[in-house]
Amino acid sequence: MRFQTKRIYSSVDPSDGRRILIDRLWPRGITKQAAAIDYWAKDFAPSNELRQWYQHDATKWPEFRKRYFEELDGHGEGIALLRTELADDLNTIVYASKEEDLNNATALVHYLTGER
């Protein structure tokens, strides 16, 4: 599995490979056509409660990752299918947050690649 992360408001590039949106809510101000999303993985996005608790507070990042990984562990069969589906391609995990490093896309990549 090869991953990169990219903000949904950044320009789409053919080198993005498969584009997967990992937000529970559709990002404001962008059409589905302009976003060029191949798969909207909203079922694997952080819960509303977790997202609202975190609010991109860097001091909460370690706890956010821990809680998010616990949520992802609860999707065992779906995550296994996602890993299989994403195994051979370059995948761009797309997110809406202004925070470029400490966001749910980065956490998902860490989870899928076994970086605990």
PDB file of N, CA and C in Angstrom:
ATOM      1  N   MET A   1       0.845  -1.179   0.000  1.00  0.00           N
ATOM      2  CA  MET A   1       0.000   0.000   0.000  1.00  0.00           C
ATOM      3  C   MET A   1       0.888   1.239   0.000  1.00  0.00           C
ATOM      4  N   ARG A   2       0.576   2.136  -0.874  1.00  0.00           N
ATOM      5  CA  ARG A   2       1.286   3.413  -0.924  1.00  0.00           C
ATOM      6  C   ARG A   2       0.262   4.518  -0.715  1.00  0.00           C
ATOM      7  N   PHE A   3       0.598   5.439   0.188  1.00  0.00           N
ATOM      8  CA  PHE A   3      -0.334   6.502   0.531  1.00  0.00           C
ATOM      9  C   PHE A   3       0.339   7.856   0.508  1.00  0.00           C
ATOM     10  N   GLN A   4      -0.482   8.834   0.235  1.00  0.00           N
ATOM     11  CA  GLN A   4      -0.126  10.219   0.478  1.00  0.00           C
ATOM     12  C   GLN A   4      -1.404  10.887   0.959  1.00  0.00           C
ATOM     13  N   THR A   5      -1.270  12.019   1.590  1.00  0.00           N
ATOM     14  CA  THR A   5      -2.450  12.766   2.014  1.00  0.00           C
ATOM     15  C   THR A   5      -2.474  14.094   1.279  1.00  0.00           C
ATOM     16  N   LYS A   6      -3.683  14.619   1.116  1.00  0.00           N
ATOM     17  CA  LYS A   6      -3.818  15.861   0.360  1.00  0.00           C
ATOM     18  C   LYS A   6      -5.118  16.540   0.775  1.00  0.00           C
ATOM     19  N   ARG A   7      -5.065  17.828   0.887  1.00  0.00           N
ATOM     20  CA  ARG A   7      -6.264  18.601   1.216  1.00  0.00           C
ATOM     21  C   ARG A   7      -7.193  18.616  -0.004  1.00  0.00           C
ATOM     22  N   ILE A   8      -8.471  18.485   0.243  1.00  0.00           N
ATOM     23  CA  ILE A   8      -9.439  18.396  -0.855  1.00  0.00           C
ATOM     24  C   ILE A   8      -9.466  19.667  -1.694  1.00  0.00           C
ATOM     25  N   TYR A   9      -9.068  20.778  -1.119  1.00  0.00           N
ATOM     26  CA  TYR A   9      -9.084  22.050  -1.842  1.00  0.00           C
ATOM     27  C   TYR A   9      -7.837  22.248  -2.708  1.00  0.00           C
ATOM     28  N   SER A  10      -6.880  21.344  -2.603  1.00  0.00           N
ATOM     29  CA  SER A  10      -5.705  21.383  -3.486  1.00  0.00           C
ATOM     30  C   SER A  10      -6.103  20.844  -4.848  1.00  0.00           C
ATOM     31  N   SER A  11      -5.364  21.223  -5.876  1.00  0.00           N
ATOM     32  CA  SER A  11      -5.734  20.791  -7.223  1.00  0.00           C
ATOM     33  C   SER A  11      -5.559  19.281  -7.387  1.00  0.00           C
ATOM     34  N   VAL A  12      -6.442  18.715  -8.178  1.00  0.00           N
ATOM     35  CA  VAL A  12      -6.402  17.290  -8.503  1.00  0.00           C
ATOM     36  C   VAL A  12      -5.291  17.069  -9.512  1.00  0.00           C
ATOM     37  N   ASP A  13      -4.550  15.974  -9.338  1.00  0.00           N
ATOM     38  CA  ASP A  13      -3.447  15.670 -10.232  1.00  0.00           C
ATOM     39  C   ASP A  13      -3.532  14.196 -10.621  1.00  0.00           C
ATOM     40  N   PRO A  14      -3.226  13.850 -11.866  1.00  0.00           N
ATOM     41  CA  PRO A  14      -3.266  12.439 -12.265  1.00  0.00           C
ATOM     42  C   PRO A  14      -2.361  11.556 -11.404  1.00  0.00           C
ATOM     43  N   SER A  15      -1.317  12.139 -10.826  1.00  0.00           N
ATOM     44  CA  SER A  15      -0.412  11.358  -9.982  1.00  0.00           C
ATOM     45  C   SER A  15      -1.018  11.037  -8.610  1.00  0.00           C
ATOM     46  N   ASP A  16      -2.222  11.535  -8.331  1.00  0.00           N
ATOM     47  CA  ASP A  16      -2.884  11.248  -7.059  1.00  0.00           C
ATOM     48  C   ASP A  16      -3.268   9.775  -6.932  1.00  0.00           C
ATOM     49  N   GLY A  17      -3.410   9.102  -8.060  1.00  0.00           N
ATOM     50  CA  GLY A  17      -3.900   7.727  -7.990  1.00  0.00           C
ATOM     51  C   GLY A  17      -5.351   7.720  -7.549  1.00  0.00           C
ATOM     52  N   ARG A  18      -5.713   6.727  -6.761  1.00  0.00           N
ATOM     53  CA  ARG A  18      -7.087   6.647  -6.239  1.00  0.00           C
ATOM     54  C   ARG A  18      -7.247   7.680  -5.130  1.00  0.00           C
ATOM     55  N   ARG A  19      -8.319   8.500  -5.242  1.00  0.00           N
ATOM     56  CA  ARG A  19      -8.583   9.561  -4.263  1.00  0.00           C
ATOM     57  C   ARG A  19      -9.713   9.120  -3.330  1.00  0.00           C
ATOM     58  N   ILE A  20      -9.392   9.079  -2.030  1.00  0.00           N
ATOM     59  CA  ILE A  20     -10.330   8.591  -1.029  1.00  0.00           C
ATOM     60  C   ILE A  20     -10.570   9.692  -0.002  1.00  0.00           C
ATOM     61  N   LEU A  21     -11.802  10.124   0.109  1.00  0.00           N
ATOM     62  CA  LEU A  21     -12.164  11.147   1.094  1.00  0.00           C
ATOM     63  C   LEU A  21     -12.442  10.471   2.426  1.00  0.00           C
ATOM     64  N   ILE A  22     -11.827  10.971   3.491  1.00  0.00           N
ATOM     65  CA  ILE A  22     -11.971  10.367   4.812  1.00  0.00           C
ATOM     66  C   ILE A  22     -12.591  11.348   5.800  1.00  0.00           C
ATOM     67  N   ASP A  23     -13.605  12.050   5.369  1.00  0.00           N
ATOM     68  CA  ASP A  23     -14.363  12.940   6.249  1.00  0.00           C
ATOM     69  C   ASP A  23     -15.797  12.439   6.317  1.00  0.00           C
ATOM     70  N   ARG A  24     -16.401  12.567   7.488  1.00  0.00           N
ATOM     71  CA  ARG A  24     -17.785  12.119   7.671  1.00  0.00           C
ATOM     72  C   ARG A  24     -18.762  13.051   6.947  1.00  0.00           C
ATOM     73  N   LEU A  25     -18.414  14.338   6.891  1.00  0.00           N
ATOM     74  CA  LEU A  25     -19.269  15.325   6.231  1.00  0.00           C
ATOM     75  C   LEU A  25     -18.615  15.764   4.929  1.00  0.00           C
ATOM     76  N   TRP A  26     -19.434  16.021   3.909  1.00  0.00           N
ATOM     77  CA  TRP A  26     -18.878  16.502   2.647  1.00  0.00           C
ATOM     78  C   TRP A  26     -18.309  17.904   2.868  1.00  0.00           C
ATOM     79  N   PRO A  27     -17.092  18.177   2.399  1.00  0.00           N
ATOM     80  CA  PRO A  27     -16.459  19.490   2.598  1.00  0.00           C
ATOM     81  C   PRO A  27     -17.236  20.617   1.927  1.00  0.00           C
ATOM     82  N   ARG A  28     -17.285  21.723   2.613  1.00  0.00           N
ATOM     83  CA  ARG A  28     -18.014  22.891   2.099  1.00  0.00           C
ATOM     84  C   ARG A  28     -17.313  23.497   0.897  1.00  0.00           C
ATOM     85  N   GLY A  29     -18.122  23.981  -0.029  1.00  0.00           N
ATOM     86  CA  GLY A  29     -17.608  24.795  -1.113  1.00  0.00           C
ATOM     87  C   GLY A  29     -16.930  24.054  -2.248  1.00  0.00           C
ATOM     88  N   ILE A  30     -17.066  22.737  -2.298  1.00  0.00           N
ATOM     89  CA  ILE A  30     -16.455  21.993  -3.397  1.00  0.00           C
ATOM     90  C   ILE A  30     -17.472  20.987  -3.933  1.00  0.00           C
ATOM     91  N   THR A  31     -17.580  20.940  -5.240  1.00  0.00           N
ATOM     92  CA  THR A  31     -18.522  19.996  -5.842  1.00  0.00           C
ATOM     93  C   THR A  31     -17.899  18.607  -5.916  1.00  0.00           C
ATOM     94  N   LYS A  32     -18.744  17.625  -6.040  1.00  0.00           N
ATOM     95  CA  LYS A  32     -18.245  16.256  -6.161  1.00  0.00           C
ATOM     96  C   LYS A  32     -17.423  16.097  -7.441  1.00  0.00           C
ATOM     97  N   GLN A  33     -17.818  16.777  -8.480  1.00  0.00           N
ATOM     98  CA  GLN A  33     -17.072  16.703  -9.744  1.00  0.00           C
ATOM     99  C   GLN A  33     -15.676  17.313  -9.575  1.00  0.00           C
ATOM    100  N   ALA A  34     -15.594  18.473  -8.945  1.00  0.00           N
ATOM    101  CA  ALA A  34     -14.300  19.146  -8.764  1.00  0.00           C
ATOM    102  C   ALA A  34     -13.385  18.360  -7.814  1.00  0.00           C
ATOM    103  N   ALA A  35     -13.980  17.660  -6.849  1.00  0.00           N
ATOM    104  CA  ALA A  35     -13.184  16.907  -5.876  1.00  0.00           C
ATOM    105  C   ALA A  35     -12.581  15.644  -6.474  1.00  0.00           C
ATOM    106  N   ALA A  36     -13.213  15.101  -7.500  1.00  0.00           N
ATOM    107  CA  ALA A  36     -12.728  13.895  -8.188  1.00  0.00           C
ATOM    108  C   ALA A  36     -12.417  12.758  -7.208  1.00  0.00           C
ATOM    109  N   ILE A  37     -13.356  12.500  -6.319  1.00  0.00           N
ATOM    110  CA  ILE A  37     -13.197  11.448  -5.315  1.00  0.00           C
ATOM    111  C   ILE A  37     -13.620  10.112  -5.915  1.00  0.00           C
ATOM    112  N   ASP A  38     -12.767   9.109  -5.733  1.00  0.00           N
ATOM    113  CA  ASP A  38     -13.093   7.758  -6.203  1.00  0.00           C
ATOM    114  C   ASP A  38     -13.902   6.977  -5.172  1.00  0.00           C
ATOM    115  N   TYR A  39     -13.658   7.275  -3.900  1.00  0.00           N
ATOM    116  CA  TYR A  39     -14.360   6.564  -2.839  1.00  0.00           C
ATOM    117  C   TYR A  39     -14.465   7.476  -1.630  1.00  0.00           C
ATOM    118  N   TRP A  40     -15.683   7.615  -1.106  1.00  0.00           N
ATOM    119  CA  TRP A  40     -15.918   8.415   0.077  1.00  0.00           C
ATOM    120  C   TRP A  40     -16.024   7.452   1.258  1.00  0.00           C
ATOM    121  N   ALA A  41     -15.007   7.385   2.056  1.00  0.00           N
ATOM    122  CA  ALA A  41     -14.925   6.429   3.157  1.00  0.00           C
ATOM    123  C   ALA A  41     -15.478   7.026   4.450  1.00  0.00           C
ATOM    124  N   LYS A  42     -16.684   7.572   4.389  1.00  0.00           N
ATOM    125  CA  LYS A  42     -17.248   8.255   5.558  1.00  0.00           C
ATOM    126  C   LYS A  42     -17.487   7.305   6.727  1.00  0.00           C
ATOM    127  N   ASP A  43     -17.688   6.018   6.448  1.00  0.00           N
ATOM    128  CA  ASP A  43     -17.876   5.057   7.536  1.00  0.00           C
ATOM    129  C   ASP A  43     -16.612   4.845   8.350  1.00  0.00           C
ATOM    130  N   PHE A  44     -15.463   5.191   7.790  1.00  0.00           N
ATOM    131  CA  PHE A  44     -14.186   5.026   8.484  1.00  0.00           C
ATOM    132  C   PHE A  44     -13.640   6.348   9.021  1.00  0.00           C
ATOM    133  N   ALA A  45     -14.417   7.411   8.872  1.00  0.00           N
ATOM    134  CA  ALA A  45     -14.024   8.715   9.410  1.00  0.00           C
ATOM    135  C   ALA A  45     -14.258   8.725  10.919  1.00  0.00           C
ATOM    136  N   PRO A  46     -13.581   9.598  11.637  1.00  0.00           N
ATOM    137  CA  PRO A  46     -13.817   9.685  13.086  1.00  0.00           C
ATOM    138  C   PRO A  46     -15.287  10.016  13.370  1.00  0.00           C
ATOM    139  N   SER A  47     -15.781   9.484  14.464  1.00  0.00           N
ATOM    140  CA  SER A  47     -17.159   9.769  14.861  1.00  0.00           C
ATOM    141  C   SER A  47     -17.328  11.269  15.102  1.00  0.00           C
ATOM    142  N   ASN A  48     -18.566  11.728  15.028  1.00  0.00           N
ATOM    143  CA  ASN A  48     -18.831  13.148  15.295  1.00  0.00           C
ATOM    144  C   ASN A  48     -18.358  13.536  16.690  1.00  0.00           C
ATOM    145  N   GLU A  49     -18.575  12.653  17.654  1.00  0.00           N
ATOM    146  CA  GLU A  49     -18.164  12.951  19.024  1.00  0.00           C
ATOM    147  C   GLU A  49     -16.653  13.135  19.117  1.00  0.00           C
ATOM    148  N   LEU A  50     -15.912  12.237  18.485  1.00  0.00           N
ATOM    149  CA  LEU A  50     -14.454  12.324  18.522  1.00  0.00           C
ATOM    150  C   LEU A  50     -13.963  13.565  17.784  1.00  0.00           C
ATOM    151  N   ARG A  51     -14.531  13.813  16.635  1.00  0.00           N
ATOM    152  CA  ARG A  51     -14.150  14.983  15.840  1.00  0.00           C
ATOM    153  C   ARG A  51     -14.393  16.271  16.614  1.00  0.00           C
ATOM    154  N   GLN A  52     -15.541  16.384  17.262  1.00  0.00           N
ATOM    155  CA  GLN A  52     -15.875  17.591  18.020  1.00  0.00           C
ATOM    156  C   GLN A  52     -15.004  17.723  19.266  1.00  0.00           C
ATOM    157  N   TRP A  53     -14.646  16.608  19.878  1.00  0.00           N
ATOM    158  CA  TRP A  53     -13.762  16.646  21.039  1.00  0.00           C
ATOM    159  C   TRP A  53     -12.364  17.127  20.640  1.00  0.00           C
ATOM    160  N   TYR A  54     -11.848  16.600  19.550  1.00  0.00           N
ATOM    161  CA  TYR A  54     -10.477  16.890  19.123  1.00  0.00           C
ATOM    162  C   TYR A  54     -10.285  18.342  18.687  1.00  0.00           C
ATOM    163  N   GLN A  55     -11.088  18.817  17.790  1.00  0.00           N
ATOM    164  CA  GLN A  55     -11.028  20.184  17.261  1.00  0.00           C
ATOM    165  C   GLN A  55      -9.610  20.628  16.877  1.00  0.00           C
ATOM    166  N   HIS A  56      -8.813  19.696  16.395  1.00  0.00           N
ATOM    167  CA  HIS A  56      -7.452  19.965  15.914  1.00  0.00           C
ATOM    168  C   HIS A  56      -6.574  20.655  16.945  1.00  0.00           C
ATOM    169  N   ASP A  57      -6.772  20.266  18.200  1.00  0.00           N
ATOM    170  CA  ASP A  57      -5.933  20.742  19.293  1.00  0.00           C
ATOM    171  C   ASP A  57      -4.709  19.825  19.354  1.00  0.00           C
ATOM    172  N   ALA A  58      -3.559  20.351  18.999  1.00  0.00           N
ATOM    173  CA  ALA A  58      -2.337  19.537  18.902  1.00  0.00           C
ATOM    174  C   ALA A  58      -2.013  18.797  20.195  1.00  0.00           C
ATOM    175  N   THR A  59      -2.392  19.358  21.332  1.00  0.00           N
ATOM    176  CA  THR A  59      -2.110  18.681  22.598  1.00  0.00           C
ATOM    177  C   THR A  59      -2.954  17.410  22.757  1.00  0.00           C
ATOM    178  N   LYS A  60      -4.041  17.304  22.000  1.00  0.00           N
ATOM    179  CA  LYS A  60      -4.919  16.130  22.076  1.00  0.00           C
ATOM    180  C   LYS A  60      -4.580  15.070  21.025  1.00  0.00           C
ATOM    181  N   TRP A  61      -3.594  15.351  20.163  1.00  0.00           N
ATOM    182  CA  TRP A  61      -3.272  14.449  19.058  1.00  0.00           C
ATOM    183  C   TRP A  61      -3.011  13.011  19.496  1.00  0.00           C
ATOM    184  N   PRO A  62      -2.150  12.744  20.473  1.00  0.00           N
ATOM    185  CA  PRO A  62      -1.916  11.338  20.853  1.00  0.00           C
ATOM    186  C   PRO A  62      -3.196  10.629  21.306  1.00  0.00           C
ATOM    187  N   GLU A  63      -4.016  11.320  22.074  1.00  0.00           N
ATOM    188  CA  GLU A  63      -5.271  10.717  22.545  1.00  0.00           C
ATOM    189  C   GLU A  63      -6.268  10.571  21.391  1.00  0.00           C
ATOM    190  N   PHE A  64      -6.288  11.545  20.482  1.00  0.00           N
ATOM    191  CA  PHE A  64      -7.157  11.441  19.309  1.00  0.00           C
ATOM    192  C   PHE A  64      -6.810  10.197  18.506  1.00  0.00           C
ATOM    193  N   ARG A  65      -5.529  10.002  18.225  1.00  0.00           N
ATOM    194  CA  ARG A  65      -5.087   8.819  17.471  1.00  0.00           C
ATOM    195  C   ARG A  65      -5.516   7.540  18.173  1.00  0.00           C
ATOM    196  N   LYS A  66      -5.296   7.476  19.464  1.00  0.00           N
ATOM    197  CA  LYS A  66      -5.654   6.289  20.245  1.00  0.00           C
ATOM    198  C   LYS A  66      -7.149   6.002  20.118  1.00  0.00           C
ATOM    199  N   ARG A  67      -7.957   7.024  20.327  1.00  0.00           N
ATOM    200  CA  ARG A  67      -9.425   6.845  20.252  1.00  0.00           C
ATOM    201  C   ARG A  67      -9.882   6.517  18.833  1.00  0.00           C
ATOM    202  N   TYR A  68      -9.286   7.167  17.855  1.00  0.00           N
ATOM    203  CA  TYR A  68      -9.643   6.908  16.457  1.00  0.00           C
ATOM    204  C   TYR A  68      -9.254   5.486  16.069  1.00  0.00           C
ATOM    205  N   PHE A  69      -8.080   5.030  16.486  1.00  0.00           N
ATOM    206  CA  PHE A  69      -7.661   3.656  16.202  1.00  0.00           C
ATOM    207  C   PHE A  69      -8.622   2.661  16.841  1.00  0.00           C
ATOM    208  N   GLU A  70      -9.121   2.965  18.026  1.00  0.00           N
ATOM    209  CA  GLU A  70     -10.107   2.097  18.677  1.00  0.00           C
ATOM    210  C   GLU A  70     -11.392   2.042  17.851  1.00  0.00           C
ATOM    211  N   GLU A  71     -11.806   3.186  17.322  1.00  0.00           N
ATOM    212  CA  GLU A  71     -12.983   3.198  16.450  1.00  0.00           C
ATOM    213  C   GLU A  71     -12.728   2.359  15.200  1.00  0.00           C
ATOM    214  N   LEU A  72     -11.555   2.513  14.604  1.00  0.00           N
ATOM    215  CA  LEU A  72     -11.231   1.745  13.400  1.00  0.00           C
ATOM    216  C   LEU A  72     -11.159   0.250  13.691  1.00  0.00           C
ATOM    217  N   ASP A  73     -10.655  -0.118  14.877  1.00  0.00           N
ATOM    218  CA  ASP A  73     -10.623  -1.530  15.270  1.00  0.00           C
ATOM    219  C   ASP A  73     -12.035  -2.132  15.272  1.00  0.00           C
ATOM    220  N   GLY A  74     -13.025  -1.320  15.534  1.00  0.00           N
ATOM    221  CA  GLY A  74     -14.412  -1.769  15.538  1.00  0.00           C
ATOM    222  C   GLY A  74     -14.969  -2.030  14.150  1.00  0.00           C
ATOM    223  N   HIS A  75     -14.225  -1.678  13.126  1.00  0.00           N
ATOM    224  CA  HIS A  75     -14.626  -1.894  11.729  1.00  0.00           C
ATOM    225  C   HIS A  75     -13.767  -2.975  11.088  1.00  0.00           C
ATOM    226  N   GLY A  76     -13.387  -3.978  11.849  1.00  0.00           N
ATOM    227  CA  GLY A  76     -12.426  -4.984  11.419  1.00  0.00           C
ATOM    228  C   GLY A  76     -12.607  -5.503  10.005  1.00  0.00           C
ATOM    229  N   GLU A  77     -13.798  -6.004   9.698  1.00  0.00           N
ATOM    230  CA  GLU A  77     -14.037  -6.583   8.368  1.00  0.00           C
ATOM    231  C   GLU A  77     -13.960  -5.517   7.279  1.00  0.00           C
ATOM    232  N   GLY A  78     -14.522  -4.351   7.550  1.00  0.00           N
ATOM    233  CA  GLY A  78     -14.484  -3.262   6.570  1.00  0.00           C
ATOM    234  C   GLY A  78     -13.077  -2.757   6.323  1.00  0.00           C
ATOM    235  N   ILE A  79     -12.283  -2.661   7.379  1.00  0.00           N
ATOM    236  CA  ILE A  79     -10.895  -2.218   7.244  1.00  0.00           C
ATOM    237  C   ILE A  79     -10.090  -3.256   6.463  1.00  0.00           C
ATOM    238  N   ALA A  80     -10.326  -4.530   6.724  1.00  0.00           N
ATOM    239  CA  ALA A  80      -9.627  -5.588   5.980  1.00  0.00           C
ATOM    240  C   ALA A  80      -9.949  -5.480   4.497  1.00  0.00           C
ATOM    241  N   LEU A  81     -11.204  -5.221   4.177  1.00  0.00           N
ATOM    242  CA  LEU A  81     -11.621  -5.056   2.785  1.00  0.00           C
ATOM    243  C   LEU A  81     -10.961  -3.814   2.186  1.00  0.00           C
ATOM    244  N   LEU A  82     -10.914  -2.741   2.952  1.00  0.00           N
ATOM    245  CA  LEU A  82     -10.288  -1.505   2.483  1.00  0.00           C
ATOM    246  C   LEU A  82      -8.806  -1.740   2.203  1.00  0.00           C
ATOM    247  N   ARG A  83      -8.123  -2.432   3.097  1.00  0.00           N
ATOM    248  CA  ARG A  83      -6.701  -2.732   2.885  1.00  0.00           C
ATOM    249  C   ARG A  83      -6.503  -3.541   1.602  1.00  0.00           C
ATOM    250  N   THR A  84      -7.353  -4.519   1.374  1.00  0.00           N
ATOM    251  CA  THR A  84      -7.266  -5.342   0.166  1.00  0.00           C
ATOM    252  C   THR A  84      -7.493  -4.490  -1.077  1.00  0.00           C
ATOM    253  N   GLU A  85      -8.492  -3.650  -1.006  1.00  0.00           N
ATOM    254  CA  GLU A  85      -8.852  -2.791  -2.141  1.00  0.00           C
ATOM    255  C   GLU A  85      -7.723  -1.813  -2.482  1.00  0.00           C
ATOM    256  N   LEU A  86      -7.000  -1.361  -1.469  1.00  0.00           N
ATOM    257  CA  LEU A  86      -5.983  -0.327  -1.665  1.00  0.00           C
ATOM    258  C   LEU A  86      -4.576  -0.882  -1.841  1.00  0.00           C
ATOM    259  N   ALA A  87      -4.424  -2.176  -1.840  1.00  0.00           N
ATOM    260  CA  ALA A  87      -3.110  -2.816  -1.769  1.00  0.00           C
ATOM    261  C   ALA A  87      -2.173  -2.482  -2.920  1.00  0.00           C
ATOM    262  N   ASP A  88      -2.644  -2.405  -4.132  1.00  0.00           N
ATOM    263  CA  ASP A  88      -1.750  -2.337  -5.284  1.00  0.00           C
ATOM    264  C   ASP A  88      -1.530  -0.949  -5.865  1.00  0.00           C
ATOM    265  N   ASP A  89      -2.260   0.031  -5.412  1.00  0.00           N
ATOM    266  CA  ASP A  89      -2.213   1.339  -6.051  1.00  0.00           C
ATOM    267  C   ASP A  89      -1.646   2.407  -5.130  1.00  0.00           C
ATOM    268  N   LEU A  90      -1.310   3.539  -5.750  1.00  0.00           N
ATOM    269  CA  LEU A  90      -1.039   4.743  -4.973  1.00  0.00           C
ATOM    270  C   LEU A  90      -2.399   5.297  -4.583  1.00  0.00           C
ATOM    271  N   ASN A  91      -2.566   5.619  -3.320  1.00  0.00           N
ATOM    272  CA  ASN A  91      -3.829   6.126  -2.806  1.00  0.00           C
ATOM    273  C   ASN A  91      -3.598   7.473  -2.143  1.00  0.00           C
ATOM    274  N   THR A  92      -4.420   8.437  -2.511  1.00  0.00           N
ATOM    275  CA  THR A  92      -4.359   9.745  -1.878  1.00  0.00           C
ATOM    276  C   THR A  92      -5.538   9.842  -0.932  1.00  0.00           C
ATOM    277  N   ILE A  93      -5.230   9.945   0.356  1.00  0.00           N
ATOM    278  CA  ILE A  93      -6.272  10.102   1.361  1.00  0.00           C
ATOM    279  C   ILE A  93      -6.545  11.595   1.469  1.00  0.00           C
ATOM    280  N   VAL A  94      -7.749  11.972   1.129  1.00  0.00           N
ATOM    281  CA  VAL A  94      -8.135  13.372   0.995  1.00  0.00           C
ATOM    282  C   VAL A  94      -8.912  13.803   2.241  1.00  0.00           C
ATOM    283  N   TYR A  95      -8.647  15.015   2.691  1.00  0.00           N
ATOM    284  CA  TYR A  95      -9.284  15.552   3.898  1.00  0.00           C
ATOM    285  C   TYR A  95      -9.589  17.026   3.683  1.00  0.00           C
ATOM    286  N   ALA A  96     -10.448  17.593   4.538  1.00  0.00           N
ATOM    287  CA  ALA A  96     -10.824  18.995   4.403  1.00  0.00           C
ATOM    288  C   ALA A  96     -10.115  19.914   5.392  1.00  0.00           C
ATOM    289  N   SER A  97      -9.605  19.388   6.456  1.00  0.00           N
ATOM    290  CA  SER A  97      -9.009  20.187   7.530  1.00  0.00           C
ATOM    291  C   SER A  97      -7.927  21.134   7.030  1.00  0.00           C
ATOM    292  N   LYS A  98      -7.823  22.282   7.686  1.00  0.00           N
ATOM    293  CA  LYS A  98      -6.725  23.212   7.392  1.00  0.00           C
ATOM    294  C   LYS A  98      -5.420  22.706   7.997  1.00  0.00           C
ATOM    295  N   GLU A  99      -5.523  21.868   9.011  1.00  0.00           N
ATOM    296  CA  GLU A  99      -4.358  21.276   9.672  1.00  0.00           C
ATOM    297  C   GLU A  99      -3.780  20.210   8.757  1.00  0.00           C
ATOM    298  N   GLU A 100      -2.556  20.393   8.298  1.00  0.00           N
ATOM    299  CA  GLU A 100      -1.982  19.500   7.297  1.00  0.00           C
ATOM    300  C   GLU A 100      -1.301  18.261   7.863  1.00  0.00           C
ATOM    301  N   ASP A 101      -0.938  18.269   9.132  1.00  0.00           N
ATOM    302  CA  ASP A 101      -0.216  17.126   9.684  1.00  0.00           C
ATOM    303  C   ASP A 101      -1.017  16.317  10.688  1.00  0.00           C
ATOM    304  N   LEU A 102      -1.698  16.974  11.590  1.00  0.00           N
ATOM    305  CA  LEU A 102      -2.400  16.285  12.669  1.00  0.00           C
ATOM    306  C   LEU A 102      -3.893  16.216  12.356  1.00  0.00           C
ATOM    307  N   ASN A 103      -4.224  15.388  11.385  1.00  0.00           N
ATOM    308  CA  ASN A 103      -5.619  15.279  10.948  1.00  0.00           C
ATOM    309  C   ASN A 103      -6.003  13.804  10.789  1.00  0.00           C
ATOM    310  N   ASN A 104      -7.269  13.564  10.530  1.00  0.00           N
ATOM    311  CA  ASN A 104      -7.762  12.189  10.432  1.00  0.00           C
ATOM    312  C   ASN A 104      -7.156  11.420   9.258  1.00  0.00           C
ATOM    313  N   ALA A 105      -6.788  12.088   8.186  1.00  0.00           N
ATOM    314  CA  ALA A 105      -6.165  11.403   7.042  1.00  0.00           C
ATOM    315  C   ALA A 105      -4.792  10.855   7.442  1.00  0.00           C
ATOM    316  N   THR A 106      -4.014  11.665   8.126  1.00  0.00           N
ATOM    317  CA  THR A 106      -2.703  11.225   8.598  1.00  0.00           C
ATOM    318  C   THR A 106      -2.855  10.055   9.562  1.00  0.00           C
ATOM    319  N   ALA A 107      -3.808  10.171  10.476  1.00  0.00           N
ATOM    320  CA  ALA A 107      -4.048   9.090  11.441  1.00  0.00           C
ATOM    321  C   ALA A 107      -4.467   7.806  10.723  1.00  0.00           C
ATOM    322  N   LEU A 108      -5.322   7.908   9.712  1.00  0.00           N
ATOM    323  CA  LEU A 108      -5.754   6.720   8.971  1.00  0.00           C
ATOM    324  C   LEU A 108      -4.576   6.058   8.265  1.00  0.00           C
ATOM    325  N   VAL A 109      -3.703   6.844   7.659  1.00  0.00           N
ATOM    326  CA  VAL A 109      -2.525   6.280   7.002  1.00  0.00           C
ATOM    327  C   VAL A 109      -1.658   5.549   8.030  1.00  0.00           C
ATOM    328  N   HIS A 110      -1.469   6.149   9.193  1.00  0.00           N
ATOM    329  CA  HIS A 110      -0.699   5.487  10.255  1.00  0.00           C
ATOM    330  C   HIS A 110      -1.351   4.166  10.631  1.00  0.00           C
ATOM    331  N   TYR A 111      -2.664   4.164  10.749  1.00  0.00           N
ATOM    332  CA  TYR A 111      -3.381   2.942  11.119  1.00  0.00           C
ATOM    333  C   TYR A 111      -3.226   1.865  10.040  1.00  0.00           C
ATOM    334  N   LEU A 112      -3.446   2.239   8.795  1.00  0.00           N
ATOM    335  CA  LEU A 112      -3.389   1.255   7.706  1.00  0.00           C
ATOM    336  C   LEU A 112      -1.990   0.705   7.481  1.00  0.00           C
ATOM    337  N   THR A 113      -0.980   1.486   7.807  1.00  0.00           N
ATOM    338  CA  THR A 113       0.389   1.039   7.605  1.00  0.00           C
ATOM    339  C   THR A 113       1.009   0.449   8.880  1.00  0.00           C
ATOM    340  N   GLY A 114       0.223   0.368   9.937  1.00  0.00           N
ATOM    341  CA  GLY A 114       0.672  -0.261  11.164  1.00  0.00           C
ATOM    342  C   GLY A 114       1.516   0.603  12.065  1.00  0.00           C
ATOM    343  N   GLU A 115       1.503   1.908  11.851  1.00  0.00           N
ATOM    344  CA  GLU A 115       2.250   2.831  12.721  1.00  0.00           C
ATOM    345  C   GLU A 115       1.420   3.144  13.952  1.00  0.00           C
ATOM    346  N   ARG A 116       1.607   2.397  14.982  1.00  0.00           N
ATOM    347  CA  ARG A 116       0.828   2.607  16.206  1.00  0.00           C
ATOM    348  C   ARG A 116       1.660   3.437  17.106  1.00  0.00           C
TER     349      ARG A 116
END
